[in-house]
Amino acid sequence: MPTKLLLVLLLSTSTAWAEWAHIGETDHAVLYINPASIRKDGNLVTSSQLPYYKNRQLTNYKEEQDSDGMSIQTTVEYDCQQGRYRFLSIRRHAEPMGAGATLLETDNGPWHNITPDTASETLFLILCNP
C-alpha cells in the first residue's frame, strides 16, 4: 500500500473505533500506532505508546514470549534527516494490548539506523514522509 494512502487511513481512523490503528503484521506480532499522538519537531518525530508521551506504538505478540509477556508499548523517536530511530521508553506487559502487569520498563536507548523491510522502516516512511 502506498505510504501516503496508509497515512491517510491512519489519520482518518475514528476515535470511537479505538486509540490503536493497525499498521501491519508479521508472523509473530501485530503492530499498532495511535495516529492522534504523532508529534513532529523539526526533523524529529516522536512516537509513543505511553499516555504521557506524544505518540504511541504497540506490538501485540501472537504467542507469549517466554518471560517477555504478550505485548510491548514503546515510545520511539525518529530522526527523519538522519534516517534513524531510538526508543525513549519500552514497557513489556503480561497481557495483550498493553494490559496486565508491567514485566519490564526501560528508558532512553541508543540510536539505530532504519533497516529496510522492517516495521521500523514502515513507521519511518509513514511518519517522515507525509
N, C-alpha and C. Protein backbone atom coordinates (compact mmCIF):
# COMPACT_ATOMS: atom_id res chain seq x y z
N MET A 1 0.86 -1.18 0.00
CA MET A 1 0.00 0.00 0.00
C MET A 1 0.90 1.23 0.00
N PRO A 2 0.63 2.21 -0.86
CA PRO A 2 1.45 3.42 -0.88
C PRO A 2 1.44 4.12 0.48
N THR A 3 2.58 4.70 0.82
CA THR A 3 2.75 5.32 2.13
C THR A 3 1.73 6.42 2.38
N LYS A 4 1.49 7.30 1.40
CA LYS A 4 0.56 8.41 1.61
C LYS A 4 -0.85 7.89 1.85
N LEU A 5 -1.27 6.83 1.14
CA LEU A 5 -2.60 6.26 1.36
C LEU A 5 -2.69 5.66 2.75
N LEU A 6 -1.65 4.96 3.17
CA LEU A 6 -1.63 4.39 4.51
C LEU A 6 -1.73 5.48 5.57
N LEU A 7 -1.01 6.59 5.38
CA LEU A 7 -1.06 7.69 6.32
C LEU A 7 -2.47 8.28 6.40
N VAL A 8 -3.12 8.47 5.26
CA VAL A 8 -4.49 8.99 5.24
C VAL A 8 -5.42 8.05 6.00
N LEU A 9 -5.27 6.75 5.80
CA LEU A 9 -6.10 5.79 6.52
C LEU A 9 -5.84 5.85 8.02
N LEU A 10 -4.57 5.98 8.41
CA LEU A 10 -4.25 6.08 9.83
C LEU A 10 -4.85 7.33 10.46
N LEU A 11 -4.72 8.45 9.78
CA LEU A 11 -5.19 9.71 10.35
C LEU A 11 -6.70 9.84 10.34
N SER A 12 -7.37 9.04 9.51
CA SER A 12 -8.83 9.13 9.46
C SER A 12 -9.50 8.10 10.36
N THR A 13 -8.72 7.34 11.09
CA THR A 13 -9.28 6.33 11.98
C THR A 13 -10.17 6.98 13.03
N SER A 14 -11.36 6.46 13.20
CA SER A 14 -12.31 7.01 14.15
C SER A 14 -11.86 6.75 15.58
N THR A 15 -11.97 7.75 16.44
CA THR A 15 -11.61 7.55 17.84
C THR A 15 -12.59 6.61 18.52
N ALA A 16 -13.79 6.48 17.97
CA ALA A 16 -14.76 5.55 18.54
C ALA A 16 -14.29 4.11 18.30
N TRP A 17 -13.51 3.87 17.21
CA TRP A 17 -13.03 2.54 16.91
C TRP A 17 -12.05 2.09 17.97
N ALA A 18 -11.12 2.92 18.32
CA ALA A 18 -10.13 2.66 19.38
C ALA A 18 -8.97 3.62 19.18
N GLU A 19 -8.10 3.71 20.18
CA GLU A 19 -6.95 4.58 20.02
C GLU A 19 -5.87 3.93 19.18
N TRP A 20 -5.91 2.63 18.99
CA TRP A 20 -4.88 1.93 18.23
C TRP A 20 -5.33 1.69 16.80
N ALA A 21 -4.47 2.07 15.83
CA ALA A 21 -4.71 1.80 14.42
C ALA A 21 -3.75 0.70 13.98
N HIS A 22 -4.28 -0.34 13.38
CA HIS A 22 -3.47 -1.46 12.89
C HIS A 22 -2.60 -0.97 11.74
N ILE A 23 -1.29 -1.22 11.82
CA ILE A 23 -0.41 -0.76 10.73
C ILE A 23 0.31 -1.90 10.04
N GLY A 24 0.29 -3.08 10.60
CA GLY A 24 0.97 -4.18 9.95
C GLY A 24 1.01 -5.41 10.82
N GLU A 25 1.55 -6.48 10.22
CA GLU A 25 1.59 -7.75 10.92
C GLU A 25 2.78 -8.56 10.43
N THR A 26 3.42 -9.28 11.35
CA THR A 26 4.48 -10.21 11.00
C THR A 26 4.00 -11.61 11.36
N ASP A 27 4.86 -12.60 11.19
CA ASP A 27 4.49 -13.96 11.61
C ASP A 27 4.29 -14.05 13.11
N HIS A 28 4.93 -13.14 13.87
CA HIS A 28 4.94 -13.24 15.32
C HIS A 28 4.16 -12.16 16.05
N ALA A 29 3.83 -11.06 15.37
CA ALA A 29 3.22 -9.93 16.10
C ALA A 29 2.32 -9.10 15.20
N VAL A 30 1.42 -8.34 15.86
CA VAL A 30 0.56 -7.37 15.19
C VAL A 30 1.00 -5.99 15.70
N LEU A 31 1.16 -5.04 14.79
CA LEU A 31 1.69 -3.73 15.12
C LEU A 31 0.60 -2.67 15.04
N TYR A 32 0.60 -1.75 16.01
CA TYR A 32 -0.39 -0.68 16.09
C TYR A 32 0.31 0.65 16.37
N ILE A 33 -0.37 1.74 16.02
CA ILE A 33 0.09 3.08 16.37
C ILE A 33 -1.14 3.91 16.71
N ASN A 34 -0.95 4.91 17.56
CA ASN A 34 -2.01 5.85 17.87
C ASN A 34 -1.79 7.08 17.00
N PRO A 35 -2.56 7.23 15.91
CA PRO A 35 -2.34 8.34 14.97
C PRO A 35 -2.50 9.71 15.60
N ALA A 36 -3.36 9.84 16.59
CA ALA A 36 -3.60 11.13 17.23
C ALA A 36 -2.41 11.59 18.06
N SER A 37 -1.47 10.69 18.32
CA SER A 37 -0.37 11.02 19.21
C SER A 37 0.92 11.39 18.47
N ILE A 38 0.90 11.44 17.15
CA ILE A 38 2.11 11.76 16.38
C ILE A 38 2.43 13.24 16.52
N ARG A 39 3.67 13.56 16.87
CA ARG A 39 4.12 14.94 17.01
C ARG A 39 5.45 15.11 16.29
N LYS A 40 5.59 16.18 15.52
CA LYS A 40 6.83 16.45 14.80
C LYS A 40 7.45 17.73 15.32
N ASP A 41 8.76 17.69 15.54
CA ASP A 41 9.51 18.86 15.99
C ASP A 41 10.75 18.95 15.11
N GLY A 42 10.73 19.80 14.10
CA GLY A 42 11.85 19.89 13.16
C GLY A 42 11.98 18.59 12.39
N ASN A 43 13.16 17.97 12.47
CA ASN A 43 13.40 16.70 11.79
C ASN A 43 13.13 15.50 12.68
N LEU A 44 12.66 15.73 13.92
CA LEU A 44 12.38 14.63 14.83
C LEU A 44 10.88 14.41 14.93
N VAL A 45 10.49 13.16 14.89
CA VAL A 45 9.09 12.77 15.09
C VAL A 45 9.07 11.84 16.28
N THR A 46 8.20 12.09 17.23
CA THR A 46 8.10 11.24 18.41
C THR A 46 6.89 10.34 18.29
N SER A 47 7.08 9.08 18.61
CA SER A 47 6.02 8.09 18.54
C SER A 47 6.05 7.26 19.82
N SER A 48 4.97 7.24 20.56
CA SER A 48 4.97 6.63 21.88
C SER A 48 3.73 5.80 22.12
N GLN A 49 3.83 4.83 23.01
CA GLN A 49 2.67 4.05 23.39
C GLN A 49 2.21 4.37 24.81
N LEU A 50 2.87 5.27 25.46
CA LEU A 50 2.52 5.57 26.84
C LEU A 50 1.76 6.87 26.90
N PRO A 51 0.73 6.97 27.74
CA PRO A 51 -0.12 8.16 27.77
C PRO A 51 0.63 9.47 27.98
N TYR A 52 1.77 9.46 28.68
CA TYR A 52 2.46 10.72 28.97
C TYR A 52 3.43 11.12 27.87
N TYR A 53 3.52 10.37 26.79
CA TYR A 53 4.31 10.76 25.63
C TYR A 53 3.39 11.20 24.51
N LYS A 54 3.96 11.80 23.47
CA LYS A 54 3.15 12.42 22.43
C LYS A 54 2.73 11.49 21.31
N ASN A 55 3.34 10.32 21.16
CA ASN A 55 2.98 9.39 20.10
C ASN A 55 3.15 7.98 20.61
N ARG A 56 2.25 7.11 20.26
CA ARG A 56 2.23 5.79 20.89
C ARG A 56 2.25 4.66 19.87
N GLN A 57 3.01 3.59 20.20
CA GLN A 57 3.08 2.39 19.39
C GLN A 57 2.87 1.18 20.28
N LEU A 58 2.31 0.13 19.68
CA LEU A 58 2.05 -1.10 20.43
C LEU A 58 2.40 -2.30 19.55
N THR A 59 3.13 -3.25 20.12
CA THR A 59 3.38 -4.54 19.48
C THR A 59 2.66 -5.58 20.30
N ASN A 60 1.77 -6.31 19.65
CA ASN A 60 0.96 -7.33 20.31
C ASN A 60 1.41 -8.69 19.78
N TYR A 61 2.05 -9.51 20.63
CA TYR A 61 2.56 -10.81 20.19
C TYR A 61 1.44 -11.82 20.02
N LYS A 62 1.60 -12.70 19.03
CA LYS A 62 0.61 -13.74 18.77
C LYS A 62 0.73 -14.88 19.77
N GLU A 63 1.94 -15.09 20.32
CA GLU A 63 2.18 -16.10 21.34
C GLU A 63 3.04 -15.50 22.44
N GLU A 64 2.91 -16.00 23.65
CA GLU A 64 3.70 -15.47 24.76
C GLU A 64 5.19 -15.62 24.47
N GLN A 65 5.95 -14.59 24.80
CA GLN A 65 7.38 -14.54 24.54
C GLN A 65 8.17 -14.89 25.79
N ASP A 66 8.10 -16.14 26.23
CA ASP A 66 8.77 -16.60 27.45
C ASP A 66 8.44 -15.65 28.60
N SER A 67 9.44 -15.02 29.19
CA SER A 67 9.19 -14.11 30.31
C SER A 67 8.94 -12.68 29.83
N ASP A 68 8.88 -12.48 28.51
CA ASP A 68 8.70 -11.13 27.96
C ASP A 68 7.24 -10.74 27.80
N GLY A 69 6.31 -11.63 28.10
CA GLY A 69 4.90 -11.29 28.07
C GLY A 69 4.27 -11.34 26.69
N MET A 70 3.13 -10.63 26.56
CA MET A 70 2.32 -10.70 25.34
C MET A 70 2.29 -9.40 24.54
N SER A 71 2.78 -8.29 25.10
CA SER A 71 2.75 -7.03 24.35
C SER A 71 3.82 -6.07 24.85
N ILE A 72 4.17 -5.13 23.98
CA ILE A 72 5.16 -4.11 24.32
C ILE A 72 4.62 -2.75 23.89
N GLN A 73 4.67 -1.79 24.79
CA GLN A 73 4.36 -0.40 24.46
C GLN A 73 5.68 0.35 24.40
N THR A 74 5.88 1.10 23.32
CA THR A 74 7.14 1.82 23.16
C THR A 74 6.91 3.28 22.82
N THR A 75 7.84 4.09 23.24
CA THR A 75 7.93 5.47 22.82
C THR A 75 9.15 5.52 21.91
N VAL A 76 8.96 5.93 20.67
CA VAL A 76 10.04 5.91 19.69
C VAL A 76 10.20 7.29 19.09
N GLU A 77 11.45 7.72 18.96
CA GLU A 77 11.76 8.99 18.33
C GLU A 77 12.47 8.69 17.01
N TYR A 78 11.97 9.28 15.92
CA TYR A 78 12.55 9.10 14.59
C TYR A 78 13.26 10.37 14.17
N ASP A 79 14.49 10.24 13.68
CA ASP A 79 15.25 11.35 13.12
C ASP A 79 15.10 11.25 11.60
N CYS A 80 14.20 12.06 11.04
CA CYS A 80 13.87 11.98 9.61
C CYS A 80 15.06 12.34 8.72
N GLN A 81 15.88 13.27 9.15
CA GLN A 81 17.01 13.71 8.33
C GLN A 81 18.12 12.66 8.30
N GLN A 82 18.39 12.03 9.42
CA GLN A 82 19.49 11.05 9.52
C GLN A 82 19.04 9.62 9.22
N GLY A 83 17.72 9.36 9.11
CA GLY A 83 17.23 8.01 8.84
C GLY A 83 17.51 7.04 9.96
N ARG A 84 17.17 7.45 11.18
CA ARG A 84 17.43 6.61 12.34
C ARG A 84 16.31 6.76 13.36
N TYR A 85 16.32 5.89 14.38
CA TYR A 85 15.31 5.92 15.44
C TYR A 85 15.93 5.46 16.75
N ARG A 86 15.26 5.81 17.85
CA ARG A 86 15.67 5.30 19.16
C ARG A 86 14.44 5.15 20.04
N PHE A 87 14.53 4.22 20.97
CA PHE A 87 13.47 4.00 21.93
C PHE A 87 13.68 4.93 23.12
N LEU A 88 12.69 5.75 23.40
CA LEU A 88 12.74 6.61 24.58
C LEU A 88 12.26 5.85 25.80
N SER A 89 11.35 4.89 25.58
CA SER A 89 10.92 4.01 26.67
C SER A 89 10.34 2.74 26.08
N ILE A 90 10.44 1.67 26.86
CA ILE A 90 9.89 0.36 26.49
C ILE A 90 9.20 -0.20 27.73
N ARG A 91 7.98 -0.68 27.55
CA ARG A 91 7.26 -1.35 28.65
C ARG A 91 6.72 -2.67 28.13
N ARG A 92 7.15 -3.77 28.73
CA ARG A 92 6.64 -5.10 28.38
C ARG A 92 5.49 -5.44 29.33
N HIS A 93 4.39 -5.97 28.75
CA HIS A 93 3.21 -6.28 29.54
C HIS A 93 2.87 -7.77 29.48
N ALA A 94 2.32 -8.28 30.55
CA ALA A 94 1.96 -9.68 30.66
C ALA A 94 0.81 -10.07 29.74
N GLU A 95 -0.08 -9.14 29.45
CA GLU A 95 -1.29 -9.43 28.66
C GLU A 95 -1.25 -8.72 27.31
N PRO A 96 -2.07 -9.15 26.35
CA PRO A 96 -2.16 -8.47 25.06
C PRO A 96 -2.63 -7.02 25.19
N MET A 97 -2.34 -6.21 24.18
CA MET A 97 -2.81 -4.83 24.05
C MET A 97 -2.38 -3.93 25.21
N GLY A 98 -1.19 -4.18 25.77
CA GLY A 98 -0.65 -3.33 26.82
C GLY A 98 -1.33 -3.49 28.16
N ALA A 99 -2.01 -4.59 28.37
CA ALA A 99 -2.74 -4.82 29.63
C ALA A 99 -1.92 -5.73 30.55
N GLY A 100 -2.37 -5.84 31.77
CA GLY A 100 -1.73 -6.72 32.74
C GLY A 100 -0.51 -6.09 33.38
N ALA A 101 0.19 -6.89 34.14
CA ALA A 101 1.36 -6.42 34.89
C ALA A 101 2.47 -5.95 33.95
N THR A 102 3.20 -4.92 34.37
CA THR A 102 4.38 -4.46 33.65
C THR A 102 5.54 -5.36 34.06
N LEU A 103 6.13 -6.06 33.08
CA LEU A 103 7.20 -7.01 33.37
C LEU A 103 8.58 -6.39 33.27
N LEU A 104 8.71 -5.33 32.48
CA LEU A 104 9.99 -4.66 32.28
C LEU A 104 9.72 -3.24 31.84
N GLU A 105 10.53 -2.31 32.32
CA GLU A 105 10.42 -0.91 31.89
C GLU A 105 11.82 -0.34 31.76
N THR A 106 12.15 0.22 30.58
CA THR A 106 13.45 0.82 30.35
C THR A 106 13.27 2.18 29.69
N ASP A 107 14.31 3.01 29.76
CA ASP A 107 14.28 4.34 29.17
C ASP A 107 15.53 4.60 28.34
N ASN A 108 15.38 5.51 27.36
CA ASN A 108 16.48 6.10 26.60
C ASN A 108 17.51 5.12 26.05
N GLY A 109 17.17 4.52 24.92
CA GLY A 109 18.09 3.64 24.23
C GLY A 109 18.94 4.38 23.21
N PRO A 110 19.90 3.68 22.60
CA PRO A 110 20.78 4.30 21.60
C PRO A 110 20.06 4.46 20.25
N TRP A 111 20.62 5.26 19.37
CA TRP A 111 20.09 5.43 18.03
C TRP A 111 20.41 4.19 17.19
N HIS A 112 19.45 3.82 16.30
CA HIS A 112 19.61 2.71 15.36
C HIS A 112 19.30 3.21 13.96
N ASN A 113 20.03 2.72 12.96
CA ASN A 113 19.72 3.04 11.58
C ASN A 113 18.45 2.30 11.16
N ILE A 114 17.69 2.90 10.27
CA ILE A 114 16.49 2.26 9.74
C ILE A 114 16.92 1.08 8.87
N THR A 115 16.36 -0.09 9.12
CA THR A 115 16.65 -1.29 8.35
C THR A 115 15.53 -1.51 7.33
N PRO A 116 15.88 -1.73 6.05
CA PRO A 116 14.84 -1.96 5.04
C PRO A 116 13.96 -3.17 5.36
N ASP A 117 12.70 -3.08 4.94
CA ASP A 117 11.73 -4.17 5.06
C ASP A 117 11.46 -4.58 6.51
N THR A 118 11.44 -3.61 7.41
CA THR A 118 11.11 -3.87 8.82
C THR A 118 9.96 -2.97 9.24
N ALA A 119 9.39 -3.25 10.39
CA ALA A 119 8.34 -2.40 10.95
C ALA A 119 8.87 -0.99 11.19
N SER A 120 10.11 -0.88 11.61
CA SER A 120 10.70 0.45 11.85
C SER A 120 10.77 1.25 10.56
N GLU A 121 11.08 0.60 9.44
CA GLU A 121 11.11 1.31 8.17
C GLU A 121 9.70 1.76 7.78
N THR A 122 8.71 0.89 7.96
CA THR A 122 7.33 1.26 7.63
C THR A 122 6.90 2.47 8.42
N LEU A 123 7.16 2.48 9.72
CA LEU A 123 6.78 3.62 10.55
C LEU A 123 7.57 4.87 10.18
N PHE A 124 8.85 4.71 9.89
CA PHE A 124 9.68 5.83 9.46
C PHE A 124 9.09 6.48 8.20
N LEU A 125 8.70 5.65 7.24
CA LEU A 125 8.13 6.18 5.99
C LEU A 125 6.81 6.89 6.24
N ILE A 126 5.99 6.34 7.12
CA ILE A 126 4.70 6.96 7.43
C ILE A 126 4.91 8.29 8.14
N LEU A 127 5.77 8.31 9.14
CA LEU A 127 5.94 9.50 9.97
C LEU A 127 6.79 10.58 9.32
N CYS A 128 7.76 10.21 8.53
CA CYS A 128 8.71 11.18 7.99
C CYS A 128 8.38 11.63 6.57
N ASN A 129 7.45 10.99 5.91
CA ASN A 129 7.11 11.33 4.53
C ASN A 129 5.60 11.47 4.33
N PRO A 130 4.98 12.38 5.07
CA PRO A 130 3.50 12.50 4.96
C PRO A 130 3.07 13.01 3.60
